[in-house]
Amino acid sequence: YDILDDPEKEFDVYEASFKAEPYPYGTDTFAEIETI
């Protein structure tokens, strides 16, 4: 995102939900991922 970096006291809370894309390793590659 892009916003001024001034210290602030008020924050907006956001919720994101998304699916990882298997490219470039194919769909079975996620089985090896232990942490992100």
All heavy atoms as atom14 arrays in JSON, in Angstrom:
{
  "sequence": "YDILDDPEKEFDVYEASFKAEPYPYGTDTFAEIETI",
  "atom14_mask": [
    [1, 1, 1, 1, 1, 1, 1, 1, 1, 1, 1, 1, 0, 0],
    [1, 1, 1, 1, 1, 1, 1, 1, 0, 0, 0, 0, 0, 0],
    [1, 1, 1, 1, 1, 1, 1, 1, 0, 0, 0, 0, 0, 0],
    [1, 1, 1, 1, 1, 1, 1, 1, 0, 0, 0, 0, 0, 0],
    [1, 1, 1, 1, 1, 1, 1, 1, 0, 0, 0, 0, 0, 0],
    [1, 1, 1, 1, 1, 1, 1, 1, 0, 0, 0, 0, 0, 0],
    [1, 1, 1, 1, 1, 1, 1, 0, 0, 0, 0, 0, 0, 0],
    [1, 1, 1, 1, 1, 1, 1, 1, 1, 0, 0, 0, 0, 0],
    [1, 1, 1, 1, 1, 1, 1, 1, 1, 0, 0, 0, 0, 0],
    [1, 1, 1, 1, 1, 1, 1, 1, 1, 0, 0, 0, 0, 0],
    [1, 1, 1, 1, 1, 1, 1, 1, 1, 1, 1, 0, 0, 0],
    [1, 1, 1, 1, 1, 1, 1, 1, 0, 0, 0, 0, 0, 0],
    [1, 1, 1, 1, 1, 1, 1, 0, 0, 0, 0, 0, 0, 0],
    [1, 1, 1, 1, 1, 1, 1, 1, 1, 1, 1, 1, 0, 0],
    [1, 1, 1, 1, 1, 1, 1, 1, 1, 0, 0, 0, 0, 0],
    [1, 1, 1, 1, 1, 0, 0, 0, 0, 0, 0, 0, 0, 0],
    [1, 1, 1, 1, 1, 1, 0, 0, 0, 0, 0, 0, 0, 0],
    [1, 1, 1, 1, 1, 1, 1, 1, 1, 1, 1, 0, 0, 0],
    [1, 1, 1, 1, 1, 1, 1, 1, 1, 0, 0, 0, 0, 0],
    [1, 1, 1, 1, 1, 0, 0, 0, 0, 0, 0, 0, 0, 0],
    [1, 1, 1, 1, 1, 1, 1, 1, 1, 0, 0, 0, 0, 0],
    [1, 1, 1, 1, 1, 1, 1, 0, 0, 0, 0, 0, 0, 0],
    [1, 1, 1, 1, 1, 1, 1, 1, 1, 1, 1, 1, 0, 0],
    [1, 1, 1, 1, 1, 1, 1, 0, 0, 0, 0, 0, 0, 0],
    [1, 1, 1, 1, 1, 1, 1, 1, 1, 1, 1, 1, 0, 0],
    [1, 1, 1, 1, 0, 0, 0, 0, 0, 0, 0, 0, 0, 0],
    [1, 1, 1, 1, 1, 1, 1, 0, 0, 0, 0, 0, 0, 0],
    [1, 1, 1, 1, 1, 1, 1, 1, 0, 0, 0, 0, 0, 0],
    [1, 1, 1, 1, 1, 1, 1, 0, 0, 0, 0, 0, 0, 0],
    [1, 1, 1, 1, 1, 1, 1, 1, 1, 1, 1, 0, 0, 0],
    [1, 1, 1, 1, 1, 0, 0, 0, 0, 0, 0, 0, 0, 0],
    [1, 1, 1, 1, 1, 1, 1, 1, 1, 0, 0, 0, 0, 0],
    [1, 1, 1, 1, 1, 1, 1, 1, 0, 0, 0, 0, 0, 0],
    [1, 1, 1, 1, 1, 1, 1, 1, 1, 0, 0, 0, 0, 0],
    [1, 1, 1, 1, 1, 1, 1, 0, 0, 0, 0, 0, 0, 0],
    [1, 1, 1, 1, 1, 1, 1, 1, 0, 0, 0, 0, 0, 0]
  ],
  "atom14_positions": [
    [[0.86, -1.18, 0.0], [0.0, 0.0, 0.0], [0.9, 1.23, 0.0], [2.12, 1.13, 0.1], [-0.93, 0.0, 1.22], [-0.19, 0.01, 2.54], [0.04, 1.2, 3.21], [0.3, -1.17, 3.1], [0.73, 1.22, 4.41], [0.99, -1.15, 4.29], [1.2, 0.05, 4.94], [1.9, 0.06, 6.12], [0.0, 0.0, 0.0], [0.0, 0.0, 0.0]],
    [[0.31, 2.41, -0.08], [1.08, 3.65, -0.09], [0.36, 4.67, 0.78], [-0.78, 5.04, 0.51], [1.21, 4.18, -1.52], [2.16, 5.36, -1.62], [2.92, 5.6, -0.67], [2.12, 6.04, -2.66], [0.0, 0.0, 0.0], [0.0, 0.0, 0.0], [0.0, 0.0, 0.0], [0.0, 0.0, 0.0], [0.0, 0.0, 0.0], [0.0, 0.0, 0.0]],
    [[1.04, 5.08, 1.87], [0.45, 6.05, 2.79], [1.59, 6.81, 3.45], [2.72, 6.32, 3.52], [-0.46, 5.35, 3.84], [-1.34, 6.35, 4.57], [0.37, 4.54, 4.8], [-2.43, 5.7, 5.42], [0.0, 0.0, 0.0], [0.0, 0.0, 0.0], [0.0, 0.0, 0.0], [0.0, 0.0, 0.0], [0.0, 0.0, 0.0], [0.0, 0.0, 0.0]],
    [[1.33, 8.02, 3.93], [2.35, 8.78, 4.65], [2.77, 8.0, 5.9], [1.97, 7.31, 6.52], [1.79, 10.14, 5.07], [1.47, 11.1, 3.92], [0.85, 12.38, 4.47], [2.72, 11.42, 3.12], [0.0, 0.0, 0.0], [0.0, 0.0, 0.0], [0.0, 0.0, 0.0], [0.0, 0.0, 0.0], [0.0, 0.0, 0.0], [0.0, 0.0, 0.0]],
    [[4.04, 8.14, 6.27], [4.59, 7.38, 7.4], [4.61, 8.16, 8.71], [5.46, 7.93, 9.55], [6.01, 6.92, 7.07], [6.02, 5.82, 6.06], [5.17, 4.93, 6.14], [6.88, 5.85, 5.17], [0.0, 0.0, 0.0], [0.0, 0.0, 0.0], [0.0, 0.0, 0.0], [0.0, 0.0, 0.0], [0.0, 0.0, 0.0], [0.0, 0.0, 0.0]],
    [[3.7, 9.07, 8.89], [3.65, 9.8, 10.14], [3.1, 8.91, 11.24], [2.21, 8.1, 11.0], [2.75, 11.03, 9.99], [3.27, 11.99, 8.94], [4.5, 12.05, 8.75], [2.44, 12.66, 8.3], [0.0, 0.0, 0.0], [0.0, 0.0, 0.0], [0.0, 0.0, 0.0], [0.0, 0.0, 0.0], [0.0, 0.0, 0.0], [0.0, 0.0, 0.0]],
    [[3.61, 9.03, 12.47], [3.03, 8.26, 13.57], [1.56, 8.63, 13.76], [1.22, 9.81, 13.76], [3.85, 8.69, 14.8], [5.12, 9.25, 14.24], [4.76, 9.83, 12.91], [0.0, 0.0, 0.0], [0.0, 0.0, 0.0], [0.0, 0.0, 0.0], [0.0, 0.0, 0.0], [0.0, 0.0, 0.0], [0.0, 0.0, 0.0], [0.0, 0.0, 0.0]],
    [[0.73, 7.64, 13.86], [-0.71, 7.87, 14.03], [-1.21, 7.15, 15.26], [-0.6, 6.18, 15.73], [-1.47, 7.38, 12.8], [-1.15, 8.11, 11.52], [-1.53, 9.58, 11.54], [-2.45, 9.96, 12.29], [-0.9, 10.36, 10.81], [0.0, 0.0, 0.0], [0.0, 0.0, 0.0], [0.0, 0.0, 0.0], [0.0, 0.0, 0.0], [0.0, 0.0, 0.0]],
    [[-2.34, 7.56, 15.75], [-2.97, 6.96, 16.93], [-4.2, 6.12, 16.54], [-4.62, 5.28, 17.3], [-3.39, 8.04, 17.91], [-2.32, 9.07, 18.17], [-1.74, 8.94, 19.53], [-0.77, 10.08, 19.82], [0.57, 9.67, 19.96], [0.0, 0.0, 0.0], [0.0, 0.0, 0.0], [0.0, 0.0, 0.0], [0.0, 0.0, 0.0], [0.0, 0.0, 0.0]],
    [[-4.74, 6.39, 15.36], [-5.93, 5.69, 14.88], [-5.55, 4.79, 13.71], [-4.82, 5.21, 12.82], [-7.0, 6.69, 14.42], [-7.44, 7.66, 15.48], [-8.23, 6.98, 16.59], [-9.03, 6.07, 16.28], [-8.03, 7.35, 17.76], [0.0, 0.0, 0.0], [0.0, 0.0, 0.0], [0.0, 0.0, 0.0], [0.0, 0.0, 0.0], [0.0, 0.0, 0.0]],
    [[-6.1, 3.56, 13.71], [-5.77, 2.58, 12.68], [-7.04, 1.94, 12.14], [-7.97, 1.68, 12.89], [-4.87, 1.48, 13.27], [-3.53, 1.99, 13.72], [-3.38, 2.59, 14.95], [-2.43, 1.9, 12.87], [-2.15, 3.08, 15.37], [-1.2, 2.39, 13.27], [-1.06, 2.98, 14.52], [0.0, 0.0, 0.0], [0.0, 0.0, 0.0], [0.0, 0.0, 0.0]],
    [[-7.04, 1.72, 10.84], [-8.11, 0.93, 10.22], [-7.7, -0.53, 10.28], [-6.54, -0.87, 10.04], [-8.34, 1.35, 8.77], [-9.03, 2.7, 8.67], [-9.9, 2.98, 9.53], [-8.73, 3.46, 7.74], [0.0, 0.0, 0.0], [0.0, 0.0, 0.0], [0.0, 0.0, 0.0], [0.0, 0.0, 0.0], [0.0, 0.0, 0.0], [0.0, 0.0, 0.0]],
    [[-8.65, -1.39, 10.6], [-8.43, -2.84, 10.65], [-8.91, -3.42, 9.32], [-10.03, -3.14, 8.89], [-9.2, -3.48, 11.83], [-8.97, -4.99, 11.86], [-8.79, -2.84, 13.15], [0.0, 0.0, 0.0], [0.0, 0.0, 0.0], [0.0, 0.0, 0.0], [0.0, 0.0, 0.0], [0.0, 0.0, 0.0], [0.0, 0.0, 0.0], [0.0, 0.0, 0.0]],
    [[-8.06, -4.22, 8.69], [-8.41, -4.86, 7.43], [-8.29, -6.37, 7.58], [-7.43, -6.86, 8.31], [-7.47, -4.42, 6.3], [-7.65, -2.98, 5.89], [-6.94, -1.97, 6.52], [-8.52, -2.63, 4.86], [-7.09, -0.65, 6.13], [-8.67, -1.32, 4.47], [-7.95, -0.33, 5.11], [-8.11, 0.98, 4.74], [0.0, 0.0, 0.0], [0.0, 0.0, 0.0]],
    [[-9.15, -7.07, 6.86], [-9.09, -8.53, 6.79], [-8.86, -8.9, 5.32], [-9.58, -8.43, 4.45], [-10.38, -9.14, 7.29], [-10.4, -10.64, 7.22], [-11.74, -11.23, 7.65], [-12.6, -10.49, 8.15], [-11.91, -12.43, 7.47], [0.0, 0.0, 0.0], [0.0, 0.0, 0.0], [0.0, 0.0, 0.0], [0.0, 0.0, 0.0], [0.0, 0.0, 0.0]],
    [[-7.84, -9.71, 5.07], [-7.55, -10.17, 3.71], [-7.68, -11.68, 3.66], [-7.32, -12.38, 4.6], [-6.14, -9.76, 3.3], [0.0, 0.0, 0.0], [0.0, 0.0, 0.0], [0.0, 0.0, 0.0], [0.0, 0.0, 0.0], [0.0, 0.0, 0.0], [0.0, 0.0, 0.0], [0.0, 0.0, 0.0], [0.0, 0.0, 0.0], [0.0, 0.0, 0.0]],
    [[-8.21, -12.16, 2.56], [-8.33, -13.59, 2.32], [-7.94, -13.84, 0.87], [-8.5, -13.22, -0.04], [-9.78, -14.04, 2.57], [-9.94, -15.39, 2.23], [0.0, 0.0, 0.0], [0.0, 0.0, 0.0], [0.0, 0.0, 0.0], [0.0, 0.0, 0.0], [0.0, 0.0, 0.0], [0.0, 0.0, 0.0], [0.0, 0.0, 0.0], [0.0, 0.0, 0.0]],
    [[-6.96, -14.73, 0.66], [-6.51, -14.98, -0.7], [-5.92, -16.38, -0.81], [-5.56, -17.0, 0.19], [-5.51, -13.92, -1.18], [-4.32, -13.73, -0.28], [-3.16, -14.44, -0.48], [-4.38, -12.83, 0.77], [-2.06, -14.25, 0.34], [-3.28, -12.64, 1.61], [-2.12, -13.35, 1.39], [0.0, 0.0, 0.0], [0.0, 0.0, 0.0], [0.0, 0.0, 0.0]],
    [[-5.85, -16.86, -2.05], [-5.29, -18.18, -2.35], [-3.94, -17.99, -3.03], [-3.81, -17.2, -3.96], [-6.23, -18.96, -3.25], [-7.54, -19.3, -2.57], [-8.46, -20.06, -3.51], [-9.67, -20.54, -2.77], [-10.79, -19.68, -2.82], [0.0, 0.0, 0.0], [0.0, 0.0, 0.0], [0.0, 0.0, 0.0], [0.0, 0.0, 0.0], [0.0, 0.0, 0.0]],
    [[-2.94, -18.75, -2.57], [-1.62, -18.69, -3.19], [-1.67, -19.27, -4.59], [-2.44, -20.19, -4.87], [-0.6, -19.45, -2.34], [0.0, 0.0, 0.0], [0.0, 0.0, 0.0], [0.0, 0.0, 0.0], [0.0, 0.0, 0.0], [0.0, 0.0, 0.0], [0.0, 0.0, 0.0], [0.0, 0.0, 0.0], [0.0, 0.0, 0.0], [0.0, 0.0, 0.0]],
    [[-0.84, -18.72, -5.47], [-0.76, -19.21, -6.84], [0.38, -20.23, -6.93], [1.49, -19.96, -6.47], [-0.52, -18.04, -7.79], [-1.69, -17.06, -7.79], [-1.44, -15.81, -8.63], [-0.34, -15.67, -9.21], [-2.35, -14.99, -8.71], [0.0, 0.0, 0.0], [0.0, 0.0, 0.0], [0.0, 0.0, 0.0], [0.0, 0.0, 0.0], [0.0, 0.0, 0.0]],
    [[0.14, -21.4, -7.52], [1.16, -22.45, -7.56], [2.32, -22.18, -8.51], [3.36, -22.79, -8.38], [0.39, -23.69, -8.01], [-0.81, -23.16, -8.72], [-1.13, -21.84, -8.08], [0.0, 0.0, 0.0], [0.0, 0.0, 0.0], [0.0, 0.0, 0.0], [0.0, 0.0, 0.0], [0.0, 0.0, 0.0], [0.0, 0.0, 0.0], [0.0, 0.0, 0.0]],
    [[2.15, -21.25, -9.43], [3.22, -20.93, -10.38], [4.44, -20.51, -9.59], [4.33, -19.77, -8.63], [2.77, -19.81, -11.32], [3.83, -19.39, -12.29], [4.04, -20.09, -13.46], [4.65, -18.31, -12.02], [5.03, -19.72, -14.35], [5.64, -17.93, -12.9], [5.83, -18.63, -14.06], [6.81, -18.26, -14.92], [0.0, 0.0, 0.0], [0.0, 0.0, 0.0]],
    [[5.65, -20.92, -9.92], [6.1, -21.65, -11.09], [6.31, -23.14, -10.85], [6.83, -23.83, -11.73], [7.44, -20.97, -11.4], [7.98, -20.65, -10.05], [6.77, -20.32, -9.2], [0.0, 0.0, 0.0], [0.0, 0.0, 0.0], [0.0, 0.0, 0.0], [0.0, 0.0, 0.0], [0.0, 0.0, 0.0], [0.0, 0.0, 0.0], [0.0, 0.0, 0.0]],
    [[5.95, -23.65, -9.68], [6.32, -25.02, -9.33], [5.2, -26.04, -9.47], [5.42, -27.21, -9.25], [6.87, -25.07, -7.9], [8.1, -24.22, -7.72], [8.05, -23.04, -7.0], [9.3, -24.59, -8.31], [9.18, -22.26, -6.84], [10.43, -23.81, -8.15], [10.37, -22.65, -7.42], [11.48, -21.88, -7.28], [0.0, 0.0, 0.0], [0.0, 0.0, 0.0]],
    [[4.0, -25.65, -9.78], [2.9, -26.6, -9.92], [2.11, -26.76, -8.63], [2.52, -26.31, -7.57], [0.0, 0.0, 0.0], [0.0, 0.0, 0.0], [0.0, 0.0, 0.0], [0.0, 0.0, 0.0], [0.0, 0.0, 0.0], [0.0, 0.0, 0.0], [0.0, 0.0, 0.0], [0.0, 0.0, 0.0], [0.0, 0.0, 0.0], [0.0, 0.0, 0.0]],
    [[0.98, -27.42, -8.73], [0.05, -27.49, -7.61], [0.55, -28.29, -6.42], [0.19, -28.02, -5.29], [-1.31, -28.07, -8.07], [-1.06, -29.33, -8.69], [-2.02, -27.14, -9.02], [0.0, 0.0, 0.0], [0.0, 0.0, 0.0], [0.0, 0.0, 0.0], [0.0, 0.0, 0.0], [0.0, 0.0, 0.0], [0.0, 0.0, 0.0], [0.0, 0.0, 0.0]],
    [[1.38, -29.3, -6.62], [1.82, -30.14, -5.49], [2.94, -29.49, -4.68], [3.34, -30.01, -3.64], [2.25, -31.51, -5.98], [3.46, -31.45, -6.92], [3.7, -30.38, -7.5], [4.15, -32.47, -7.05], [0.0, 0.0, 0.0], [0.0, 0.0, 0.0], [0.0, 0.0, 0.0], [0.0, 0.0, 0.0], [0.0, 0.0, 0.0], [0.0, 0.0, 0.0]],
    [[3.44, -28.35, -5.09], [4.56, -27.73, -4.4], [4.22, -27.23, -3.01], [5.08, -27.13, -2.15], [5.13, -26.58, -5.23], [6.37, -26.21, -4.66], [4.22, -25.38, -5.23], [0.0, 0.0, 0.0], [0.0, 0.0, 0.0], [0.0, 0.0, 0.0], [0.0, 0.0, 0.0], [0.0, 0.0, 0.0], [0.0, 0.0, 0.0], [0.0, 0.0, 0.0]],
    [[2.96, -26.93, -2.74], [2.58, -26.4, -1.43], [2.8, -27.41, -0.31], [2.97, -27.03, 0.84], [1.11, -25.97, -1.44], [0.83, -24.8, -2.34], [-0.23, -24.85, -3.23], [1.61, -23.66, -2.31], [-0.51, -23.78, -4.07], [1.35, -22.58, -3.15], [0.29, -22.65, -4.02], [0.0, 0.0, 0.0], [0.0, 0.0, 0.0], [0.0, 0.0, 0.0]],
    [[2.84, -28.7, -0.63], [3.02, -29.73, 0.39], [4.34, -29.58, 1.13], [4.46, -29.98, 2.29], [2.93, -31.11, -0.25], [0.0, 0.0, 0.0], [0.0, 0.0, 0.0], [0.0, 0.0, 0.0], [0.0, 0.0, 0.0], [0.0, 0.0, 0.0], [0.0, 0.0, 0.0], [0.0, 0.0, 0.0], [0.0, 0.0, 0.0], [0.0, 0.0, 0.0]],
    [[5.34, -28.98, 0.5], [6.66, -28.8, 1.12], [6.75, -27.55, 1.99], [7.71, -27.38, 2.73], [7.74, -28.72, 0.03], [7.87, -29.97, -0.79], [8.93, -29.81, -1.87], [9.78, -28.89, -1.76], [8.9, -30.6, -2.82], [0.0, 0.0, 0.0], [0.0, 0.0, 0.0], [0.0, 0.0, 0.0], [0.0, 0.0, 0.0], [0.0, 0.0, 0.0]],
    [[5.79, -26.65, 1.89], [5.86, -25.38, 2.62], [5.4, -25.59, 4.06], [4.27, -25.97, 4.31], [5.0, -24.31, 1.92], [5.42, -24.11, 0.48], [5.03, -22.99, 2.69], [6.83, -23.62, 0.29], [0.0, 0.0, 0.0], [0.0, 0.0, 0.0], [0.0, 0.0, 0.0], [0.0, 0.0, 0.0], [0.0, 0.0, 0.0], [0.0, 0.0, 0.0]],
    [[6.31, -25.33, 5.0], [5.99, -25.48, 6.43], [5.65, -24.15, 7.09], [4.87, -24.11, 8.03], [7.17, -26.13, 7.15], [7.44, -27.55, 6.66], [8.68, -28.16, 7.3], [9.31, -27.51, 8.16], [9.01, -29.29, 6.92], [0.0, 0.0, 0.0], [0.0, 0.0, 0.0], [0.0, 0.0, 0.0], [0.0, 0.0, 0.0], [0.0, 0.0, 0.0]],
    [[6.28, -23.07, 6.64], [5.98, -21.74, 7.16], [5.95, -20.76, 5.99], [6.51, -21.02, 4.92], [7.05, -21.26, 8.17], [8.31, -21.2, 7.52], [7.12, -22.16, 9.38], [0.0, 0.0, 0.0], [0.0, 0.0, 0.0], [0.0, 0.0, 0.0], [0.0, 0.0, 0.0], [0.0, 0.0, 0.0], [0.0, 0.0, 0.0], [0.0, 0.0, 0.0]],
    [[5.26, -19.65, 6.2], [5.27, -18.56, 5.22], [5.66, -17.28, 5.96], [5.56, -17.2, 7.18], [3.91, -18.36, 4.52], [2.83, -17.96, 5.53], [3.52, -19.6, 3.74], [1.56, -17.43, 4.88], [0.0, 0.0, 0.0], [0.0, 0.0, 0.0], [0.0, 0.0, 0.0], [0.0, 0.0, 0.0], [0.0, 0.0, 0.0], [0.0, 0.0, 0.0]]
  ]
}
